[in-house]
Protein backbone atom coordinates (compact mmCIF):
# COMPACT_ATOMS: atom_id res chain seq x y z
CA UNK A 1 -0.15 0.10 -0.01
CA UNK A 2 2.90 2.27 0.74
CA UNK A 3 4.24 1.76 -2.89
CA UNK A 4 1.02 2.60 -4.25
CA UNK A 5 0.81 5.74 -2.50
CA UNK A 6 4.02 6.78 -4.14
CA UNK A 7 3.12 5.92 -7.29
CA UNK A 8 0.06 7.64 -7.14
CA UNK A 9 2.03 10.73 -5.71
CA UNK A 10 4.27 10.70 -8.63
CA UNK A 11 1.78 10.36 -10.83
CA UNK A 12 -0.13 13.41 -9.82
CA UNK A 13 2.95 15.01 -9.85
CA UNK A 14 3.50 14.72 -13.26
CA UNK A 15 0.29 15.40 -14.58
CA UNK A 16 0.65 19.10 -12.81
CA UNK A 17 3.97 19.98 -13.85
CA UNK A 18 4.38 22.57 -15.74
CA UNK A 19 6.01 22.41 -19.25
CA UNK A 20 8.64 24.70 -20.55
CA UNK A 21 9.49 25.51 -23.86
CA UNK A 22 11.83 27.41 -25.53
CA UNK A 23 13.03 28.88 -29.52
CA UNK A 24 13.64 25.20 -30.56
CA UNK A 25 10.43 23.69 -29.98
CA UNK A 26 8.17 26.76 -29.86
CA UNK A 27 6.60 26.40 -33.02
CA UNK A 28 6.20 22.66 -32.61
CA UNK A 29 4.08 23.50 -29.18
CA UNK A 30 2.02 26.16 -30.59
CA UNK A 31 1.07 24.02 -33.55
CA UNK A 32 0.58 20.76 -31.38
CA UNK A 33 -2.00 18.37 -32.31
CA UNK A 34 -3.70 16.33 -29.85
CA UNK A 35 -4.59 12.28 -30.26
CA UNK A 36 -5.16 10.82 -33.48
CA UNK A 37 -8.90 11.03 -34.27
CA UNK A 38 -9.53 13.92 -32.17
CA UNK A 39 -11.08 16.31 -34.69
CA UNK A 40 -11.29 19.46 -31.93
CA UNK A 41 -7.82 20.59 -31.01
CA UNK A 42 -7.36 22.67 -28.24
CA UNK A 43 -5.85 25.95 -28.23
CA UNK A 44 -2.25 26.28 -26.83
CA UNK A 45 -1.93 29.17 -24.24
CA UNK A 46 1.97 30.13 -23.45
CA UNK A 47 2.73 32.20 -20.66
CA UNK A 48 6.04 34.43 -21.53
CA UNK A 49 7.87 34.41 -17.83
CA UNK A 50 10.76 36.57 -16.62
CA UNK A 51 12.54 35.26 -13.43
CA UNK A 52 13.05 38.65 -12.37
CA UNK A 53 9.15 39.07 -12.14
CA UNK A 54 8.53 35.52 -10.52
CA UNK A 55 6.02 36.84 -7.94
CA UNK A 56 3.57 37.88 -10.62
CA UNK A 57 3.56 34.71 -12.55
CA UNK A 58 0.28 33.32 -13.75
CA UNK A 59 -0.23 30.75 -10.87
CA UNK A 60 -3.63 29.52 -11.80
CA UNK A 61 -2.91 27.32 -15.02
CA UNK A 62 -3.98 24.32 -13.37
CA UNK A 63 -7.46 25.65 -13.24
CA UNK A 64 -7.71 26.21 -17.07
CA UNK A 65 -9.84 24.22 -18.77
CA UNK A 66 -9.86 22.78 -22.67
CA UNK A 67 -6.27 24.38 -23.51
CA UNK A 68 -2.92 23.37 -23.62
CA UNK A 69 -0.62 25.49 -20.92
CA UNK A 70 3.10 26.08 -21.64
CA UNK A 71 5.57 28.76 -19.78
CA UNK A 72 8.39 30.32 -22.01
CA UNK A 73 11.03 31.89 -20.15
CA UNK A 74 12.07 35.11 -22.26
CA UNK A 75 15.55 34.62 -21.76
CA UNK A 76 15.28 31.29 -23.42
CA UNK A 77 13.01 32.45 -26.09
CA UNK A 78 14.50 35.55 -27.85
CA UNK A 79 13.23 34.88 -31.05
CA UNK A 80 9.61 34.12 -30.09
CA UNK A 81 9.60 37.03 -27.89
CA UNK A 82 10.66 39.27 -30.80
CA UNK A 83 8.29 37.77 -33.34
CA UNK A 84 5.39 38.02 -30.97
CA UNK A 85 6.42 41.54 -29.60
CA UNK A 86 6.45 40.56 -26.06
CA UNK A 87 7.46 43.57 -24.02
CA UNK A 88 6.49 42.62 -20.53
CA UNK A 89 6.33 39.91 -18.42
CA UNK A 90 3.81 37.88 -17.88
CA UNK A 91 2.17 38.02 -21.09
CA UNK A 92 -0.21 35.21 -22.08
CA UNK A 93 -0.91 34.51 -25.45
CA UNK A 94 -3.56 32.10 -26.73
CA UNK A 95 -2.67 30.22 -30.13
CA UNK A 96 -5.14 28.18 -32.26
CA UNK A 97 -3.26 25.98 -34.90
CA UNK A 98 -0.53 27.98 -34.58
CA UNK A 99 -2.02 31.42 -35.09
CA UNK A 100 -1.92 34.11 -32.43
CA UNK A 101 -5.78 34.71 -31.34
CA UNK A 102 -5.52 36.62 -28.12
CA UNK A 103 -3.27 38.06 -25.94
CA UNK A 104 -3.29 39.38 -22.16
CA UNK A 105 -0.21 41.71 -21.53
CA UNK A 106 1.10 42.77 -18.29
CA UNK A 107 0.98 46.70 -17.18
CA UNK A 108 3.58 48.90 -16.35
CA UNK A 109 3.34 47.39 -12.82
CA UNK A 110 4.40 43.78 -14.04
CA UNK A 111 0.98 42.15 -12.97
CA UNK A 112 -1.31 40.48 -15.34
CA UNK A 113 -4.46 42.84 -15.58
CA UNK A 114 -6.80 39.70 -16.67
CA UNK A 115 -8.12 37.09 -14.03
CA UNK A 116 -8.86 33.58 -14.20
CA UNK A 117 -12.31 33.88 -15.61
CA UNK A 118 -11.42 36.52 -18.40
CA UNK A 119 -8.81 34.16 -19.57
CA UNK A 120 -10.80 31.15 -19.50
CA UNK A 121 -13.88 33.14 -21.32
CA UNK A 122 -11.14 33.71 -24.00
CA UNK A 123 -10.11 30.08 -24.34
CA UNK A 124 -13.80 29.03 -24.85
CA UNK A 125 -14.34 31.83 -27.22
CA UNK A 126 -11.64 30.44 -29.20
CA UNK A 127 -12.84 27.06 -28.97
CA UNK A 128 -16.43 27.97 -30.12
CA UNK A 129 -15.07 29.84 -33.15
CA UNK A 130 -13.15 26.97 -34.13
CA UNK A 131 -16.17 24.84 -34.29
CA UNK A 132 -17.34 26.54 -37.32
């Protein structure tokens, strides 16, 4: 029983672990397709993160539904940062099939002005729009 608890703990940790992306795999991740036969591809949301502003990172990513979430360190993604004109961290960008759909940018105070409900609503809109 002790080993079963340890295994379950490790599995739950892996399911909730934050996945980081870099310039090397950025395009592959934002164009990612789900399992074979799945007609509805989920949008991808990328948080551009900066270590100096760790206190203001987006902390509720595990609560987002119907989206794939990645975090990109702006120091390791200079090409993506430039391509998507990221000026502040955190910045959240929602992609659908590799196309930038919606952007949430931090203000001058380096905090994200959007809350979890606004972000989830944007994800829902992107999912709904792709059904047509």
